[in-house]
């Protein structure tokens, strides 16, 4: 037998045992596992961001366990099984890759994406709009990026990145006006949101993942601030901003 199939069968068999014999595993439901699955997903994302290949391997296994767990619970209620879930994704992939499994010809990655979105709309799935398939629970920045990517596939897109930057500057000017005129907080919040959305769009034109870029800055900020905490010769509350900034600049060279 293919070693991949042997390993997968081993995991399925272990899940069968755990669901019968382990008090914790027997107690779990779709709802109780949900937050743990989200946590595991972010742990995989961290490993990828840090280029931790051993960590990626481990987190793939953890997430695979969760998928097997959900399939096991589905089979217990006769709603779906691992077999049906895997066959559905196989059917979906074949249907959405007509340039591989059909007679469609494509000349670029963009044409593949456009075909994918058009096929999704034809499939229905309860999502009759271009943006219907974007999960509501996605983090706001990721959601903005995904919505822009999807509307791009139907032609709702600027032609040049300079046009996008002009939009960023326009939105920033409107934010400045709202702040200067001391508009209500809701108006300022709206204008700030417009700036963020336009910056996400500009990042996309630069072929930058804004979520990844921001997380890298988060990690850099954390590292430098922890350097301040470690090297301060007095309580932070007693330090001046200049003293902390001097240590911050030291941290840049570490």
Protein backbone atom coordinates (compact mmCIF):
# COMPACT_ATOMS: atom_id res chain seq x y z
CA UNK A 1 0.00 0.00 0.00
CA UNK A 2 1.09 3.59 -0.66
CA UNK A 3 2.85 4.85 2.51
CA UNK A 4 0.70 7.98 2.46
CA UNK A 5 -2.42 5.85 2.60
CA UNK A 6 -0.94 3.70 5.37
CA UNK A 7 -0.24 6.80 7.47
CA UNK A 8 -3.72 8.19 6.82
CA UNK A 9 -5.37 4.87 7.73
CA UNK A 10 -3.30 4.79 10.93
CA UNK A 11 -4.69 8.20 11.91
CA UNK A 12 -8.25 7.11 11.09
CA UNK A 13 -7.85 3.98 13.22
CA UNK A 14 -6.44 5.97 16.14
CA UNK A 15 -9.37 8.38 15.93
CA UNK A 16 -11.78 5.41 16.03
CA UNK A 17 -10.06 4.24 19.24
CA UNK A 18 -10.00 7.67 20.87
CA UNK A 19 -13.63 8.38 20.15
CA UNK A 20 -14.59 5.16 21.96
CA UNK A 21 -12.04 4.96 24.76
CA UNK A 22 -10.85 8.48 25.69
CA UNK A 23 -13.13 10.52 28.00
CA UNK A 24 -11.98 13.84 26.51
CA UNK A 25 -12.29 12.78 22.87
CA UNK A 26 -15.69 11.19 23.46
CA UNK A 27 -17.00 14.48 24.85
CA UNK A 28 -16.02 16.72 21.93
CA UNK A 29 -18.51 18.28 19.50
CA UNK A 30 -18.20 20.39 16.35
CA UNK A 31 -18.68 23.48 18.50
CA UNK A 32 -16.13 22.54 21.16
CA UNK A 33 -13.45 21.80 18.56
CA UNK A 34 -14.04 24.98 16.55
CA UNK A 35 -11.90 27.33 18.65
CA UNK A 36 -9.14 24.73 18.93
CA UNK A 37 -9.09 24.37 15.14
CA UNK A 38 -8.76 28.14 14.77
CA UNK A 39 -5.86 28.09 17.24
CA UNK A 40 -4.13 25.29 15.32
CA UNK A 41 -4.59 27.21 12.08
CA UNK A 42 -2.87 30.26 13.53
CA UNK A 43 -0.06 28.08 14.86
CA UNK A 44 0.48 26.80 11.32
CA UNK A 45 0.40 30.39 10.05
CA UNK A 46 3.07 31.36 12.61
CA UNK A 47 5.27 28.44 11.58
CA UNK A 48 4.97 29.45 7.92
CA UNK A 49 5.78 33.08 8.70
CA UNK A 50 8.87 32.00 10.65
CA UNK A 51 9.89 29.54 7.93
CA UNK A 52 9.90 26.85 10.62
CA UNK A 53 9.73 23.74 8.45
CA UNK A 54 9.65 21.33 11.39
CA UNK A 55 6.87 23.41 12.90
CA UNK A 56 4.94 23.39 9.63
CA UNK A 57 5.17 19.61 9.53
CA UNK A 58 3.87 19.32 13.09
CA UNK A 59 1.02 21.79 12.59
CA UNK A 60 -0.07 20.06 9.37
CA UNK A 61 -0.46 16.90 11.44
CA UNK A 62 -2.42 18.73 14.13
CA UNK A 63 -4.80 20.21 11.58
CA UNK A 64 -5.17 16.87 9.83
CA UNK A 65 -6.20 15.38 13.16
CA UNK A 66 -8.95 17.98 13.45
CA UNK A 67 -10.22 17.20 9.95
CA UNK A 68 -10.34 13.49 10.78
CA UNK A 69 -12.10 14.33 14.06
CA UNK A 70 -14.83 16.32 12.28
CA UNK A 71 -15.28 13.53 9.72
CA UNK A 72 -15.60 10.97 12.50
CA UNK A 73 -18.31 13.00 14.22
CA UNK A 74 -20.10 13.44 10.89
CA UNK A 75 -20.14 9.70 10.31
CA UNK A 76 -21.55 9.09 13.78
CA UNK A 77 -24.62 11.16 12.88
CA UNK A 78 -24.82 9.72 9.34
CA UNK A 79 -24.53 13.22 7.89
CA UNK A 80 -21.23 12.79 6.04
CA UNK A 81 -18.08 10.68 6.16
CA UNK A 82 -14.40 11.12 5.43
CA UNK A 83 -14.99 9.35 2.14
CA UNK A 84 -17.79 11.70 1.11
CA UNK A 85 -15.83 14.80 2.14
CA UNK A 86 -12.76 13.72 0.19
CA UNK A 87 -14.80 12.80 -2.88
CA UNK A 88 -16.51 16.20 -2.79
CA UNK A 89 -13.22 18.08 -2.81
CA UNK A 90 -11.91 15.81 -5.60
CA UNK A 91 -15.03 16.47 -7.68
CA UNK A 92 -14.72 20.20 -7.00
CA UNK A 93 -11.07 20.32 -8.05
CA UNK A 94 -11.78 18.44 -11.28
CA UNK A 95 -14.73 20.69 -12.09
CA UNK A 96 -12.80 23.90 -11.39
CA UNK A 97 -9.74 22.88 -13.39
CA UNK A 98 -11.23 22.39 -16.86
CA UNK A 99 -7.83 23.34 -18.32
CA UNK A 100 -6.47 20.13 -16.75
CA UNK A 101 -9.45 17.77 -16.83
CA UNK A 102 -11.35 19.28 -19.77
CA UNK A 103 -10.79 21.04 -23.05
CA UNK A 104 -10.39 24.63 -21.79
CA UNK A 105 -7.14 26.44 -22.67
CA UNK A 106 -5.59 29.03 -20.35
CA UNK A 107 -2.52 31.19 -20.84
CA UNK A 108 -1.91 32.61 -17.38
CA UNK A 109 -2.50 32.29 -13.66
CA UNK A 110 -5.03 35.13 -13.88
CA UNK A 111 -7.14 33.23 -16.40
CA UNK A 112 -7.14 30.24 -14.04
CA UNK A 113 -8.43 32.47 -11.22
CA UNK A 114 -11.09 34.03 -13.44
CA UNK A 115 -12.33 30.61 -14.54
CA UNK A 116 -12.39 29.46 -10.92
CA UNK A 117 -14.62 32.34 -9.83
CA UNK A 118 -16.94 31.97 -12.82
CA UNK A 119 -17.34 28.24 -12.17
CA UNK A 120 -18.08 28.92 -8.48
CA UNK A 121 -20.88 31.29 -9.45
CA UNK A 122 -22.36 28.71 -11.84
CA UNK A 123 -22.20 26.05 -9.12
CA UNK A 124 -24.48 28.16 -6.94
CA UNK A 125 -23.77 26.75 -3.48
CA UNK A 126 -26.21 29.34 -2.09
CA UNK A 127 -23.74 32.10 -2.99
CA UNK A 128 -25.27 33.92 -5.94
CA UNK A 129 -22.92 36.90 -5.73
CA UNK A 130 -19.20 37.32 -6.38
CA UNK A 131 -18.53 38.04 -2.70
CA UNK A 132 -20.97 35.48 -1.32
CA UNK A 133 -18.24 32.94 -0.63
CA UNK A 134 -16.06 35.19 1.53
CA UNK A 135 -16.42 33.97 5.15
CA UNK A 136 -17.92 36.56 7.47
CA UNK A 137 -15.61 35.52 10.32
CA UNK A 138 -12.37 36.25 8.44
CA UNK A 139 -10.12 38.88 10.07
CA UNK A 140 -11.00 42.26 8.55
CA UNK A 141 -7.71 42.77 6.70
CA UNK A 142 -7.76 39.28 5.21
CA UNK A 143 -11.42 39.76 4.26
CA UNK A 144 -10.65 43.07 2.50
CA UNK A 145 -7.86 41.41 0.51
CA UNK A 146 -10.03 38.43 -0.47
CA UNK A 147 -12.96 40.66 -1.54
CA UNK A 148 -10.65 42.75 -3.71
CA UNK A 149 -9.16 39.61 -5.25
CA UNK A 150 -12.60 38.23 -6.06
CA UNK A 151 -14.03 41.41 -7.60
CA UNK A 152 -10.87 41.68 -9.67
CA UNK A 153 -11.81 38.43 -11.42
CA UNK A 154 -14.91 40.04 -12.91
CA UNK A 155 -13.10 43.21 -14.04
CA UNK A 156 -13.74 45.50 -11.05
CA UNK A 157 -10.11 46.60 -10.87
CA UNK A 158 -7.83 49.59 -11.39
CA UNK A 159 -5.50 49.36 -14.37
CA UNK A 160 -2.32 50.73 -12.75
CA UNK A 161 -0.91 50.89 -9.24
CA UNK A 162 -0.50 54.67 -9.59
CA UNK A 163 -4.28 54.96 -9.77
CA UNK A 164 -4.55 52.94 -6.57
CA UNK A 165 -2.05 55.19 -4.79
CA UNK A 166 -4.04 58.24 -5.89
CA UNK A 167 -7.04 56.63 -4.19
CA UNK A 168 -4.98 56.14 -1.02
CA UNK A 169 -4.02 59.82 -1.04
CA UNK A 170 -7.64 60.81 -1.68
CA UNK A 171 -8.84 58.75 1.28
CA UNK A 172 -6.09 60.12 3.53
CA UNK A 173 -7.09 63.68 2.60
CA UNK A 174 -10.70 62.93 3.51
CA UNK A 175 -9.57 61.51 6.86
CA UNK A 176 -7.52 64.63 7.58
CA UNK A 177 -10.53 66.81 6.78
CA UNK A 178 -12.78 64.80 9.09
CA UNK A 179 -10.25 65.10 11.91
CA UNK A 180 -9.61 68.81 11.28
CA UNK A 181 -13.32 69.59 11.20
CA UNK A 182 -13.77 67.53 14.37
CA UNK A 183 -16.45 65.41 12.81
CA UNK A 184 -18.17 62.85 15.00
CA UNK A 185 -16.15 59.76 15.90
CA UNK A 186 -18.23 57.57 13.61
CA UNK A 187 -17.33 59.69 10.57
CA UNK A 188 -13.63 59.63 11.48
CA UNK A 189 -13.79 55.88 11.94
CA UNK A 190 -15.40 55.49 8.51
CA UNK A 191 -12.72 57.60 6.85
CA UNK A 192 -9.98 55.68 8.65
CA UNK A 193 -11.51 52.44 7.42
CA UNK A 194 -11.46 53.79 3.86
CA UNK A 195 -7.74 54.53 4.22
CA UNK A 196 -7.06 51.01 5.48
CA UNK A 197 -9.10 49.42 2.69
CA UNK A 198 -7.30 51.44 0.02
CA UNK A 199 -3.90 50.56 1.53
CA UNK A 200 -4.81 46.87 1.42
CA UNK A 201 -5.65 47.34 -2.25
CA UNK A 202 -2.32 49.08 -2.89
CA UNK A 203 -0.47 46.26 -1.13
CA UNK A 204 -2.22 43.82 -3.44
CA UNK A 205 -0.99 45.75 -6.48
CA UNK A 206 2.53 45.60 -5.05
CA UNK A 207 2.07 41.82 -4.66
CA UNK A 208 2.39 42.13 -0.88
CA UNK A 209 0.18 40.22 1.54
CA UNK A 210 -0.83 43.03 3.95
CA UNK A 211 -1.66 40.61 6.77
CA UNK A 212 1.80 39.06 6.58
CA UNK A 213 3.47 42.45 6.28
CA UNK A 214 1.67 43.75 9.37
CA UNK A 215 2.43 40.60 11.36
CA UNK A 216 6.15 40.95 10.56
CA UNK A 217 6.00 44.50 11.91
CA UNK A 218 4.16 43.21 15.00
CA UNK A 219 6.95 40.72 15.66
CA UNK A 220 9.61 43.36 15.07
CA UNK A 221 7.85 45.75 17.47
CA UNK A 222 7.54 43.02 20.11
CA UNK A 223 11.22 42.12 19.84
CA UNK A 224 12.38 45.73 20.16
CA UNK A 225 10.04 46.60 23.02
CA UNK A 226 11.12 43.50 24.92
CA UNK A 227 14.70 44.70 24.44
CA UNK A 228 13.70 47.96 26.15
CA UNK A 229 12.18 46.03 29.05
CA UNK A 230 15.24 43.83 29.39
CA UNK A 231 17.82 46.61 29.23
CA UNK A 232 16.08 49.40 31.12
CA UNK A 233 17.93 50.42 34.29
CA UNK A 234 14.71 51.51 36.01
CA UNK A 235 10.98 50.94 35.92
CA UNK A 236 9.48 51.78 32.53
CA UNK A 237 6.97 54.10 34.17
CA UNK A 238 9.91 56.18 35.44
CA UNK A 239 11.61 56.44 32.05
CA UNK A 240 11.22 59.32 29.64
CA UNK A 241 10.15 58.72 26.08
CA UNK A 242 13.63 59.77 24.94
CA UNK A 243 15.27 57.18 27.20
CA UNK A 244 13.02 54.45 25.82
CA UNK A 245 13.61 55.66 22.27
CA UNK A 246 17.38 55.43 22.78
CA UNK A 247 17.01 51.77 23.77
CA UNK A 248 14.64 51.27 20.84
CA UNK A 249 17.35 52.49 18.48
CA UNK A 250 19.84 50.15 20.16
CA UNK A 251 17.45 47.28 19.56
CA UNK A 252 17.50 47.99 15.81
CA UNK A 253 21.12 46.92 15.71
CA UNK A 254 20.65 43.71 17.67
